[in-house]
């Protein structure tokens, strides 16, 4: 999907959220990063 956004800002957001997830996750676990369309918006999650 295409979103209207500042690429550098959103990259920074994703990097921070994934880095935090790594920091607070236990060894040998899994972190899920996803994205899907909901109406007129795109939802992202970590």
ModelCIF file with pLDDT and N, C-alpha, C, O atoms, coordinates in Angstrom:
data_MODEL
#
_entry.id   MODEL 
#
_entity.id                         1 
_entity.type                       polymer 
_entity.pdbx_number_of_molecules   1 
#
_entity_poly.entity_id                      1 
_entity_poly.type                           'polypeptide(L)' 
_entity_poly.nstd_linkage                   no 
_entity_poly.nstd_monomer                   no 
_entity_poly.pdbx_seq_one_letter_code       
;(UNK)(UNK)(UNK)(UNK)(UNK)(UNK)(UNK)(UNK)(UNK)(UNK)(UNK)(UNK)(UNK)(UNK)(UNK)(UNK)
(UNK)(UNK)(UNK)(UNK)(UNK)(UNK)(UNK)(UNK)(UNK)(UNK)(UNK)(UNK)(UNK)(UNK)(UNK)(UNK)
(UNK)(UNK)(UNK)(UNK)(UNK)(UNK)(UNK)(UNK)(UNK)(UNK)(UNK)(UNK)(UNK)(UNK)
;
_entity_poly.pdbx_seq_one_letter_code_can   XXXXXXXXXXXXXXXXXXXXXXXXXXXXXXXXXXXXXXXXXXXXXX 
_entity_poly.pdbx_strand_id                 A 
#
loop_
_entity_poly_seq.entity_id 
_entity_poly_seq.num 
_entity_poly_seq.mon_id 
_entity_poly_seq.hetero 
1 1  UNK n 
1 2  UNK n 
1 3  UNK n 
1 4  UNK n 
1 5  UNK n 
1 6  UNK n 
1 7  UNK n 
1 8  UNK n 
1 9  UNK n 
1 10 UNK n 
1 11 UNK n 
1 12 UNK n 
1 13 UNK n 
1 14 UNK n 
1 15 UNK n 
1 16 UNK n 
1 17 UNK n 
1 18 UNK n 
1 19 UNK n 
1 20 UNK n 
1 21 UNK n 
1 22 UNK n 
1 23 UNK n 
1 24 UNK n 
1 25 UNK n 
1 26 UNK n 
1 27 UNK n 
1 28 UNK n 
1 29 UNK n 
1 30 UNK n 
1 31 UNK n 
1 32 UNK n 
1 33 UNK n 
1 34 UNK n 
1 35 UNK n 
1 36 UNK n 
1 37 UNK n 
1 38 UNK n 
1 39 UNK n 
1 40 UNK n 
1 41 UNK n 
1 42 UNK n 
1 43 UNK n 
1 44 UNK n 
1 45 UNK n 
1 46 UNK n 
#
_struct_asym.id          A 
_struct_asym.entity_id   1 
#
loop_
_ma_qa_metric.id 
_ma_qa_metric.mode 
_ma_qa_metric.name 
_ma_qa_metric.software_group_id 
_ma_qa_metric.type 
1 global pLDDT . pLDDT 
2 local  pLDDT . pLDDT 
#
_ma_qa_metric_global.metric_id      1 
_ma_qa_metric_global.metric_value   88.87 
_ma_qa_metric_global.model_id       1 
_ma_qa_metric_global.ordinal_id     1 
#
loop_
_ma_qa_metric_local.label_asym_id 
_ma_qa_metric_local.label_comp_id 
_ma_qa_metric_local.label_seq_id 
_ma_qa_metric_local.metric_id 
_ma_qa_metric_local.metric_value 
_ma_qa_metric_local.model_id 
_ma_qa_metric_local.ordinal_id 
A UNK 1  2 81.00 1 1  
A UNK 2  2 87.00 1 2  
A UNK 3  2 88.00 1 3  
A UNK 4  2 86.00 1 4  
A UNK 5  2 87.00 1 5  
A UNK 6  2 86.00 1 6  
A UNK 7  2 86.00 1 7  
A UNK 8  2 83.00 1 8  
A UNK 9  2 85.00 1 9  
A UNK 10 2 88.00 1 10 
A UNK 11 2 87.00 1 11 
A UNK 12 2 85.00 1 12 
A UNK 13 2 89.00 1 13 
A UNK 14 2 91.00 1 14 
A UNK 15 2 88.00 1 15 
A UNK 16 2 86.00 1 16 
A UNK 17 2 91.00 1 17 
A UNK 18 2 91.00 1 18 
A UNK 19 2 87.00 1 19 
A UNK 20 2 87.00 1 20 
A UNK 21 2 90.00 1 21 
A UNK 22 2 90.00 1 22 
A UNK 23 2 88.00 1 23 
A UNK 24 2 89.00 1 24 
A UNK 25 2 90.00 1 25 
A UNK 26 2 90.00 1 26 
A UNK 27 2 88.00 1 27 
A UNK 28 2 87.00 1 28 
A UNK 29 2 91.00 1 29 
A UNK 30 2 92.00 1 30 
A UNK 31 2 93.00 1 31 
A UNK 32 2 93.00 1 32 
A UNK 33 2 93.00 1 33 
A UNK 34 2 90.00 1 34 
A UNK 35 2 90.00 1 35 
A UNK 36 2 90.00 1 36 
A UNK 37 2 89.00 1 37 
A UNK 38 2 88.00 1 38 
A UNK 39 2 88.00 1 39 
A UNK 40 2 89.00 1 40 
A UNK 41 2 90.00 1 41 
A UNK 42 2 91.00 1 42 
A UNK 43 2 92.00 1 43 
A UNK 44 2 92.00 1 44 
A UNK 45 2 92.00 1 45 
A UNK 46 2 94.00 1 46 
#
loop_
_atom_site.group_PDB 
_atom_site.id 
_atom_site.type_symbol 
_atom_site.label_atom_id 
_atom_site.label_alt_id 
_atom_site.label_comp_id 
_atom_site.label_asym_id 
_atom_site.label_entity_id 
_atom_site.label_seq_id 
_atom_site.pdbx_PDB_ins_code 
_atom_site.Cartn_x 
_atom_site.Cartn_y 
_atom_site.Cartn_z 
_atom_site.occupancy 
_atom_site.B_iso_or_equiv 
_atom_site.pdbx_formal_charge 
_atom_site.auth_seq_id 
_atom_site.auth_comp_id 
_atom_site.auth_asym_id 
_atom_site.auth_atom_id 
_atom_site.pdbx_PDB_model_num 
ATOM 1   N N  . UNK A 1 1  ? 0.856   -1.185  0.000  1.00 81.00 ? 1  UNK A N  1 
ATOM 2   C CA . UNK A 1 1  ? 0.000   0.000   0.000  1.00 81.00 ? 1  UNK A CA 1 
ATOM 3   C C  . UNK A 1 1  ? 0.894   1.238   0.000  1.00 81.00 ? 1  UNK A C  1 
ATOM 4   O O  . UNK A 1 1  ? 2.063   1.177   0.382  1.00 81.00 ? 1  UNK A O  1 
ATOM 5   N N  . UNK A 1 2  ? 0.331   2.344   -0.429 1.00 87.00 ? 2  UNK A N  1 
ATOM 6   C CA . UNK A 1 2  ? 1.088   3.589   -0.407 1.00 87.00 ? 2  UNK A CA 1 
ATOM 7   C C  . UNK A 1 2  ? 0.505   4.519   0.657  1.00 87.00 ? 2  UNK A C  1 
ATOM 8   O O  . UNK A 1 2  ? -0.707  4.729   0.719  1.00 87.00 ? 2  UNK A O  1 
ATOM 9   N N  . UNK A 1 3  ? 1.375   5.063   1.481  1.00 88.00 ? 3  UNK A N  1 
ATOM 10  C CA . UNK A 1 3  ? 0.944   6.004   2.520  1.00 88.00 ? 3  UNK A CA 1 
ATOM 11  C C  . UNK A 1 3  ? 1.578   7.369   2.247  1.00 88.00 ? 3  UNK A C  1 
ATOM 12  O O  . UNK A 1 3  ? 2.659   7.468   1.667  1.00 88.00 ? 3  UNK A O  1 
ATOM 13  N N  . UNK A 1 4  ? 0.875   8.412   2.680  1.00 86.00 ? 4  UNK A N  1 
ATOM 14  C CA . UNK A 1 4  ? 1.396   9.773   2.552  1.00 86.00 ? 4  UNK A CA 1 
ATOM 15  C C  . UNK A 1 4  ? 2.076   10.124  3.862  1.00 86.00 ? 4  UNK A C  1 
ATOM 16  O O  . UNK A 1 4  ? 1.403   10.325  4.872  1.00 86.00 ? 4  UNK A O  1 
ATOM 17  N N  . UNK A 1 5  ? 3.402   10.200  3.861  1.00 87.00 ? 5  UNK A N  1 
ATOM 18  C CA . UNK A 1 5  ? 4.138   10.435  5.105  1.00 87.00 ? 5  UNK A CA 1 
ATOM 19  C C  . UNK A 1 5  ? 5.567   10.845  4.796  1.00 87.00 ? 5  UNK A C  1 
ATOM 20  O O  . UNK A 1 5  ? 6.040   10.725  3.666  1.00 87.00 ? 5  UNK A O  1 
ATOM 21  N N  . UNK A 1 6  ? 6.238   11.331  5.825  1.00 86.00 ? 6  UNK A N  1 
ATOM 22  C CA . UNK A 1 6  ? 7.666   11.643  5.761  1.00 86.00 ? 6  UNK A CA 1 
ATOM 23  C C  . UNK A 1 6  ? 8.426   10.334  5.972  1.00 86.00 ? 6  UNK A C  1 
ATOM 24  O O  . UNK A 1 6  ? 8.384   9.764   7.062  1.00 86.00 ? 6  UNK A O  1 
ATOM 25  N N  . UNK A 1 7  ? 9.124   9.852   4.930  1.00 86.00 ? 7  UNK A N  1 
ATOM 26  C CA . UNK A 1 7  ? 9.775   8.549   4.989  1.00 86.00 ? 7  UNK A CA 1 
ATOM 27  C C  . UNK A 1 7  ? 10.799  8.464   6.105  1.00 86.00 ? 7  UNK A C  1 
ATOM 28  O O  . UNK A 1 7  ? 10.869  7.450   6.799  1.00 86.00 ? 7  UNK A O  1 
ATOM 29  N N  . UNK A 1 8  ? 11.596  9.512   6.291  1.00 83.00 ? 8  UNK A N  1 
ATOM 30  C CA . UNK A 1 8  ? 12.626  9.490   7.333  1.00 83.00 ? 8  UNK A CA 1 
ATOM 31  C C  . UNK A 1 8  ? 12.007  9.398   8.723  1.00 83.00 ? 8  UNK A C  1 
ATOM 32  O O  . UNK A 1 8  ? 12.509  8.681   9.588  1.00 83.00 ? 8  UNK A O  1 
ATOM 33  N N  . UNK A 1 9  ? 10.905  10.134  8.933  1.00 85.00 ? 9  UNK A N  1 
ATOM 34  C CA . UNK A 1 9  ? 10.239  10.089  10.236 1.00 85.00 ? 9  UNK A CA 1 
ATOM 35  C C  . UNK A 1 9  ? 9.686   8.690   10.522 1.00 85.00 ? 9  UNK A C  1 
ATOM 36  O O  . UNK A 1 9  ? 9.876   8.149   11.612 1.00 85.00 ? 9  UNK A O  1 
ATOM 37  N N  . UNK A 1 10 ? 9.000   8.115   9.534  1.00 88.00 ? 10 UNK A N  1 
ATOM 38  C CA . UNK A 1 10 ? 8.372   6.815   9.752  1.00 88.00 ? 10 UNK A CA 1 
ATOM 39  C C  . UNK A 1 10 ? 9.438   5.728   9.911  1.00 88.00 ? 10 UNK A C  1 
ATOM 40  O O  . UNK A 1 10 ? 9.265   4.794   10.694 1.00 88.00 ? 10 UNK A O  1 
ATOM 41  N N  . UNK A 1 11 ? 10.531  5.853   9.172  1.00 87.00 ? 11 UNK A N  1 
ATOM 42  C CA . UNK A 1 11 ? 11.641  4.912   9.352  1.00 87.00 ? 11 UNK A CA 1 
ATOM 43  C C  . UNK A 1 11 ? 12.188  4.997   10.769 1.00 87.00 ? 11 UNK A C  1 
ATOM 44  O O  . UNK A 1 11 ? 12.489  3.976   11.388 1.00 87.00 ? 11 UNK A O  1 
ATOM 45  N N  . UNK A 1 12 ? 12.316  6.214   11.277 1.00 85.00 ? 12 UNK A N  1 
ATOM 46  C CA . UNK A 1 12 ? 12.791  6.411   12.651 1.00 85.00 ? 12 UNK A CA 1 
ATOM 47  C C  . UNK A 1 12 ? 11.822  5.789   13.652 1.00 85.00 ? 12 UNK A C  1 
ATOM 48  O O  . UNK A 1 12 ? 12.244  5.168   14.627 1.00 85.00 ? 12 UNK A O  1 
ATOM 49  N N  . UNK A 1 13 ? 10.520  5.956   13.409 1.00 89.00 ? 13 UNK A N  1 
ATOM 50  C CA . UNK A 1 13 ? 9.511   5.377   14.305 1.00 89.00 ? 13 UNK A CA 1 
ATOM 51  C C  . UNK A 1 13 ? 9.628   3.854   14.320 1.00 89.00 ? 13 UNK A C  1 
ATOM 52  O O  . UNK A 1 13 ? 9.672   3.246   15.389 1.00 89.00 ? 13 UNK A O  1 
ATOM 53  N N  . UNK A 1 14 ? 9.677   3.237   13.139 1.00 91.00 ? 14 UNK A N  1 
ATOM 54  C CA . UNK A 1 14 ? 9.792   1.774   13.060 1.00 91.00 ? 14 UNK A CA 1 
ATOM 55  C C  . UNK A 1 14 ? 11.076  1.279   13.725 1.00 91.00 ? 14 UNK A C  1 
ATOM 56  O O  . UNK A 1 14 ? 11.067  0.292   14.459 1.00 91.00 ? 14 UNK A O  1 
ATOM 57  N N  . UNK A 1 15 ? 12.166  1.972   13.458 1.00 88.00 ? 15 UNK A N  1 
ATOM 58  C CA . UNK A 1 15 ? 13.448  1.565   14.053 1.00 88.00 ? 15 UNK A CA 1 
ATOM 59  C C  . UNK A 1 15 ? 13.399  1.621   15.573 1.00 88.00 ? 15 UNK A C  1 
ATOM 60  O O  . UNK A 1 15 ? 13.884  0.713   16.248 1.00 88.00 ? 15 UNK A O  1 
ATOM 61  N N  . UNK A 1 16 ? 12.802  2.707   16.120 1.00 86.00 ? 16 UNK A N  1 
ATOM 62  C CA . UNK A 1 16 ? 12.717  2.841   17.570 1.00 86.00 ? 16 UNK A CA 1 
ATOM 63  C C  . UNK A 1 16 ? 11.824  1.769   18.185 1.00 86.00 ? 16 UNK A C  1 
ATOM 64  O O  . UNK A 1 16 ? 12.163  1.198   19.222 1.00 86.00 ? 16 UNK A O  1 
ATOM 65  N N  . UNK A 1 17 ? 10.678  1.493   17.546 1.00 91.00 ? 17 UNK A N  1 
ATOM 66  C CA . UNK A 1 17 ? 9.753   0.509   18.102 1.00 91.00 ? 17 UNK A CA 1 
ATOM 67  C C  . UNK A 1 17 ? 10.348  -0.899  18.062 1.00 91.00 ? 17 UNK A C  1 
ATOM 68  O O  . UNK A 1 17 ? 10.205  -1.663  19.016 1.00 91.00 ? 17 UNK A O  1 
ATOM 69  N N  . UNK A 1 18 ? 11.016  -1.241  16.956 1.00 91.00 ? 18 UNK A N  1 
ATOM 70  C CA . UNK A 1 18 ? 11.621  -2.575  16.852 1.00 91.00 ? 18 UNK A CA 1 
ATOM 71  C C  . UNK A 1 18 ? 12.811  -2.691  17.805 1.00 91.00 ? 18 UNK A C  1 
ATOM 72  O O  . UNK A 1 18 ? 12.999  -3.727  18.442 1.00 91.00 ? 18 UNK A O  1 
ATOM 73  N N  . UNK A 1 19 ? 13.614  -1.629  17.902 1.00 87.00 ? 19 UNK A N  1 
ATOM 74  C CA . UNK A 1 19 ? 14.748  -1.636  18.829 1.00 87.00 ? 19 UNK A CA 1 
ATOM 75  C C  . UNK A 1 19 ? 14.267  -1.814  20.265 1.00 87.00 ? 19 UNK A C  1 
ATOM 76  O O  . UNK A 1 19 ? 14.859  -2.575  21.031 1.00 87.00 ? 19 UNK A O  1 
ATOM 77  N N  . UNK A 1 20 ? 13.194  -1.112  20.632 1.00 87.00 ? 20 UNK A N  1 
ATOM 78  C CA . UNK A 1 20 ? 12.626  -1.266  21.977 1.00 87.00 ? 20 UNK A CA 1 
ATOM 79  C C  . UNK A 1 20 ? 12.119  -2.688  22.197 1.00 87.00 ? 20 UNK A C  1 
ATOM 80  O O  . UNK A 1 20 ? 12.294  -3.260  23.273 1.00 87.00 ? 20 UNK A O  1 
ATOM 81  N N  . UNK A 1 21 ? 11.485  -3.258  21.160 1.00 90.00 ? 21 UNK A N  1 
ATOM 82  C CA . UNK A 1 21 ? 10.973  -4.625  21.277 1.00 90.00 ? 21 UNK A CA 1 
ATOM 83  C C  . UNK A 1 21 ? 12.113  -5.609  21.503 1.00 90.00 ? 21 UNK A C  1 
ATOM 84  O O  . UNK A 1 21 ? 11.990  -6.531  22.309 1.00 90.00 ? 21 UNK A O  1 
ATOM 85  N N  . UNK A 1 22 ? 13.225  -5.415  20.790 1.00 90.00 ? 22 UNK A N  1 
ATOM 86  C CA . UNK A 1 22 ? 14.407  -6.269  20.988 1.00 90.00 ? 22 UNK A CA 1 
ATOM 87  C C  . UNK A 1 22 ? 14.941  -6.098  22.407 1.00 90.00 ? 22 UNK A C  1 
ATOM 88  O O  . UNK A 1 22 ? 15.303  -7.070  23.071 1.00 90.00 ? 22 UNK A O  1 
ATOM 89  N N  . UNK A 1 23 ? 14.983  -4.860  22.853 1.00 88.00 ? 23 UNK A N  1 
ATOM 90  C CA . UNK A 1 23 ? 15.525  -4.554  24.184 1.00 88.00 ? 23 UNK A CA 1 
ATOM 91  C C  . UNK A 1 23 ? 14.728  -5.249  25.284 1.00 88.00 ? 23 UNK A C  1 
ATOM 92  O O  . UNK A 1 23 ? 15.312  -5.768  26.236 1.00 88.00 ? 23 UNK A O  1 
ATOM 93  N N  . UNK A 1 24 ? 13.414  -5.264  25.164 1.00 89.00 ? 24 UNK A N  1 
ATOM 94  C CA . UNK A 1 24 ? 12.569  -5.797  26.245 1.00 89.00 ? 24 UNK A CA 1 
ATOM 95  C C  . UNK A 1 24 ? 12.080  -7.229  25.986 1.00 89.00 ? 24 UNK A C  1 
ATOM 96  O O  . UNK A 1 24 ? 11.247  -7.746  26.730 1.00 89.00 ? 24 UNK A O  1 
ATOM 97  N N  . UNK A 1 25 ? 12.599  -7.865  24.932 1.00 90.00 ? 25 UNK A N  1 
ATOM 98  C CA . UNK A 1 25 ? 12.227  -9.258  24.651 1.00 90.00 ? 25 UNK A CA 1 
ATOM 99  C C  . UNK A 1 25 ? 13.253  -10.215 25.255 1.00 90.00 ? 25 UNK A C  1 
ATOM 100 O O  . UNK A 1 25 ? 14.421  -9.871  25.440 1.00 90.00 ? 25 UNK A O  1 
ATOM 101 N N  . UNK A 1 26 ? 12.788  -11.410 25.550 1.00 90.00 ? 26 UNK A N  1 
ATOM 102 C CA . UNK A 1 26 ? 13.684  -12.439 26.080 1.00 90.00 ? 26 UNK A CA 1 
ATOM 103 C C  . UNK A 1 26 ? 14.350  -13.175 24.928 1.00 90.00 ? 26 UNK A C  1 
ATOM 104 O O  . UNK A 1 26 ? 13.862  -13.162 23.798 1.00 90.00 ? 26 UNK A O  1 
ATOM 105 N N  . UNK A 1 27 ? 15.480  -13.821 25.234 1.00 88.00 ? 27 UNK A N  1 
ATOM 106 C CA . UNK A 1 27 ? 16.210  -14.571 24.215 1.00 88.00 ? 27 UNK A CA 1 
ATOM 107 C C  . UNK A 1 27 ? 15.325  -15.670 23.625 1.00 88.00 ? 27 UNK A C  1 
ATOM 108 O O  . UNK A 1 27 ? 14.464  -16.243 24.293 1.00 88.00 ? 27 UNK A O  1 
ATOM 109 N N  . UNK A 1 28 ? 15.580  -15.935 22.341 1.00 87.00 ? 28 UNK A N  1 
ATOM 110 C CA . UNK A 1 28 ? 14.883  -17.014 21.621 1.00 87.00 ? 28 UNK A CA 1 
ATOM 111 C C  . UNK A 1 28 ? 13.367  -16.776 21.508 1.00 87.00 ? 28 UNK A C  1 
ATOM 112 O O  . UNK A 1 28 ? 12.588  -17.728 21.454 1.00 87.00 ? 28 UNK A O  1 
ATOM 113 N N  . UNK A 1 29 ? 12.961  -15.504 21.473 1.00 91.00 ? 29 UNK A N  1 
ATOM 114 C CA . UNK A 1 29 ? 11.545  -15.177 21.269 1.00 91.00 ? 29 UNK A CA 1 
ATOM 115 C C  . UNK A 1 29 ? 11.351  -14.582 19.871 1.00 91.00 ? 29 UNK A C  1 
ATOM 116 O O  . UNK A 1 29 ? 12.305  -14.449 19.105 1.00 91.00 ? 29 UNK A O  1 
ATOM 117 N N  . UNK A 1 30 ? 10.112  -14.230 19.553 1.00 92.00 ? 30 UNK A N  1 
ATOM 118 C CA . UNK A 1 30 ? 9.789   -13.705 18.222 1.00 92.00 ? 30 UNK A CA 1 
ATOM 119 C C  . UNK A 1 30 ? 9.125   -12.334 18.345 1.00 92.00 ? 30 UNK A C  1 
ATOM 120 O O  . UNK A 1 30 ? 8.278   -12.116 19.211 1.00 92.00 ? 30 UNK A O  1 
ATOM 121 N N  . UNK A 1 31 ? 9.518   -11.429 17.476 1.00 93.00 ? 31 UNK A N  1 
ATOM 122 C CA . UNK A 1 31 ? 8.894   -10.100 17.379 1.00 93.00 ? 31 UNK A CA 1 
ATOM 123 C C  . UNK A 1 31 ? 8.177   -10.031 16.040 1.00 93.00 ? 31 UNK A C  1 
ATOM 124 O O  . UNK A 1 31 ? 8.767   -10.313 14.997 1.00 93.00 ? 31 UNK A O  1 
ATOM 125 N N  . UNK A 1 32 ? 6.914   -9.660  16.071 1.00 93.00 ? 32 UNK A N  1 
ATOM 126 C CA . UNK A 1 32 ? 6.110   -9.580  14.855 1.00 93.00 ? 32 UNK A CA 1 
ATOM 127 C C  . UNK A 1 32 ? 5.946   -8.119  14.428 1.00 93.00 ? 32 UNK A C  1 
ATOM 128 O O  . UNK A 1 32 ? 5.536   -7.269  15.220 1.00 93.00 ? 32 UNK A O  1 
ATOM 129 N N  . UNK A 1 33 ? 6.267   -7.848  13.181 1.00 93.00 ? 33 UNK A N  1 
ATOM 130 C CA . UNK A 1 33 ? 6.119   -6.498  12.616 1.00 93.00 ? 33 UNK A CA 1 
ATOM 131 C C  . UNK A 1 33 ? 5.144   -6.614  11.458 1.00 93.00 ? 33 UNK A C  1 
ATOM 132 O O  . UNK A 1 33 ? 5.381   -7.370  10.516 1.00 93.00 ? 33 UNK A O  1 
ATOM 133 N N  . UNK A 1 34 ? 4.049   -5.868  11.524 1.00 90.00 ? 34 UNK A N  1 
ATOM 134 C CA . UNK A 1 34 ? 3.030   -6.016  10.505 1.00 90.00 ? 34 UNK A CA 1 
ATOM 135 C C  . UNK A 1 34 ? 2.426   -4.705  10.046 1.00 90.00 ? 34 UNK A C  1 
ATOM 136 O O  . UNK A 1 34 ? 2.665   -3.643  10.621 1.00 90.00 ? 34 UNK A O  1 
ATOM 137 N N  . UNK A 1 35 ? 1.620   -4.817  8.972  1.00 90.00 ? 35 UNK A N  1 
ATOM 138 C CA . UNK A 1 35 ? 0.941   -3.650  8.408  1.00 90.00 ? 35 UNK A CA 1 
ATOM 139 C C  . UNK A 1 35 ? -0.254  -4.134  7.601  1.00 90.00 ? 35 UNK A C  1 
ATOM 140 O O  . UNK A 1 35 ? -0.159  -5.118  6.866  1.00 90.00 ? 35 UNK A O  1 
ATOM 141 N N  . UNK A 1 36 ? -1.379  -3.438  7.739  1.00 90.00 ? 36 UNK A N  1 
ATOM 142 C CA . UNK A 1 36 ? -2.557  -3.777  6.942  1.00 90.00 ? 36 UNK A CA 1 
ATOM 143 C C  . UNK A 1 36 ? -3.430  -2.533  6.770  1.00 90.00 ? 36 UNK A C  1 
ATOM 144 O O  . UNK A 1 36 ? -3.310  -1.553  7.505  1.00 90.00 ? 36 UNK A O  1 
ATOM 145 N N  . UNK A 1 37 ? -4.306  -2.610  5.778  1.00 89.00 ? 37 UNK A N  1 
ATOM 146 C CA . UNK A 1 37 ? -5.199  -1.480  5.497  1.00 89.00 ? 37 UNK A CA 1 
ATOM 147 C C  . UNK A 1 37 ? -6.459  -1.598  6.336  1.00 89.00 ? 37 UNK A C  1 
ATOM 148 O O  . UNK A 1 37 ? -7.038  -2.676  6.470  1.00 89.00 ? 37 UNK A O  1 
ATOM 149 N N  . UNK A 1 38 ? -6.875  -0.456  6.904  1.00 88.00 ? 38 UNK A N  1 
ATOM 150 C CA . UNK A 1 38 ? -8.159  -0.359  7.616  1.00 88.00 ? 38 UNK A CA 1 
ATOM 151 C C  . UNK A 1 38 ? -8.843  0.923   7.179  1.00 88.00 ? 38 UNK A C  1 
ATOM 152 O O  . UNK A 1 38 ? -8.481  2.007   7.637  1.00 88.00 ? 38 UNK A O  1 
ATOM 153 N N  . UNK A 1 39 ? -9.829  0.814   6.300  1.00 88.00 ? 39 UNK A N  1 
ATOM 154 C CA . UNK A 1 39 ? -10.527 2.003   5.804  1.00 88.00 ? 39 UNK A CA 1 
ATOM 155 C C  . UNK A 1 39 ? -9.595  2.885   4.997  1.00 88.00 ? 39 UNK A C  1 
ATOM 156 O O  . UNK A 1 39 ? -8.979  2.426   4.035  1.00 88.00 ? 39 UNK A O  1 
ATOM 157 N N  . UNK A 1 40 ? -9.488  4.138   5.379  1.00 89.00 ? 40 UNK A N  1 
ATOM 158 C CA . UNK A 1 40 ? -8.644  5.098   4.674  1.00 89.00 ? 40 UNK A CA 1 
ATOM 159 C C  . UNK A 1 40 ? -7.266  5.213   5.293  1.00 89.00 ? 40 UNK A C  1 
ATOM 160 O O  . UNK A 1 40 ? -6.492  6.100   4.933  1.00 89.00 ? 40 UNK A O  1 
ATOM 161 N N  . UNK A 1 41 ? -6.952  4.313   6.230  1.00 90.00 ? 41 UNK A N  1 
ATOM 162 C CA . UNK A 1 41 ? -5.657  4.362   6.919  1.00 90.00 ? 41 UNK A CA 1 
ATOM 163 C C  . UNK A 1 41 ? -4.914  3.041   6.775  1.00 90.00 ? 41 UNK A C  1 
ATOM 164 O O  . UNK A 1 41 ? -5.508  1.999   6.500  1.00 90.00 ? 41 UNK A O  1 
ATOM 165 N N  . UNK A 1 42 ? -3.608  3.113   6.966  1.00 91.00 ? 42 UNK A N  1 
ATOM 166 C CA . UNK A 1 42 ? -2.763  1.936   7.049  1.00 91.00 ? 42 UNK A CA 1 
ATOM 167 C C  . UNK A 1 42 ? -2.312  1.788   8.502  1.00 91.00 ? 42 UNK A C  1 
ATOM 168 O O  . UNK A 1 42 ? -1.760  2.721   9.087  1.00 91.00 ? 42 UNK A O  1 
ATOM 169 N N  . UNK A 1 43 ? -2.552  0.605   9.078  1.00 92.00 ? 43 UNK A N  1 
ATOM 170 C CA . UNK A 1 43 ? -2.185  0.344   10.469 1.00 92.00 ? 43 UNK A CA 1 
ATOM 171 C C  . UNK A 1 43 ? -0.885  -0.450  10.509 1.00 92.00 ? 43 UNK A C  1 
ATOM 172 O O  . UNK A 1 43 ? -0.732  -1.449  9.806  1.00 92.00 ? 43 UNK A O  1 
ATOM 173 N N  . UNK A 1 44 ? 0.051   0.010   11.346 1.00 92.00 ? 44 UNK A N  1 
ATOM 174 C CA . UNK A 1 44 ? 1.326   -0.677  11.544 1.00 92.00 ? 44 UNK A CA 1 
ATOM 175 C C  . UNK A 1 44 ? 1.383   -1.161  12.996 1.00 92.00 ? 44 UNK A C  1 
ATOM 176 O O  . UNK A 1 44 ? 0.808   -0.537  13.888 1.00 92.00 ? 44 UNK A O  1 
ATOM 177 N N  . UNK A 1 45 ? 2.080   -2.277  13.222 1.00 92.00 ? 45 UNK A N  1 
ATOM 178 C CA . UNK A 1 45 ? 2.250   -2.736  14.609 1.00 92.00 ? 45 UNK A CA 1 
ATOM 179 C C  . UNK A 1 45 ? 3.588   -3.442  14.786 1.00 92.00 ? 45 UNK A C  1 
ATOM 180 O O  . UNK A 1 45 ? 4.136   -4.039  13.860 1.00 92.00 ? 45 UNK A O  1 
ATOM 181 N N  . UNK A 1 46 ? 4.091   -3.348  16.020 1.00 94.00 ? 46 UNK A N  1 
ATOM 182 C CA . UNK A 1 46 ? 5.297   -4.065  16.443 1.00 94.00 ? 46 UNK A CA 1 
ATOM 183 C C  . UNK A 1 46 ? 4.920   -4.764  17.740 1.00 94.00 ? 46 UNK A C  1 
ATOM 184 O O  . UNK A 1 46 ? 5.750   -5.453  18.333 1.00 94.00 ? 46 UNK A O  1 
#
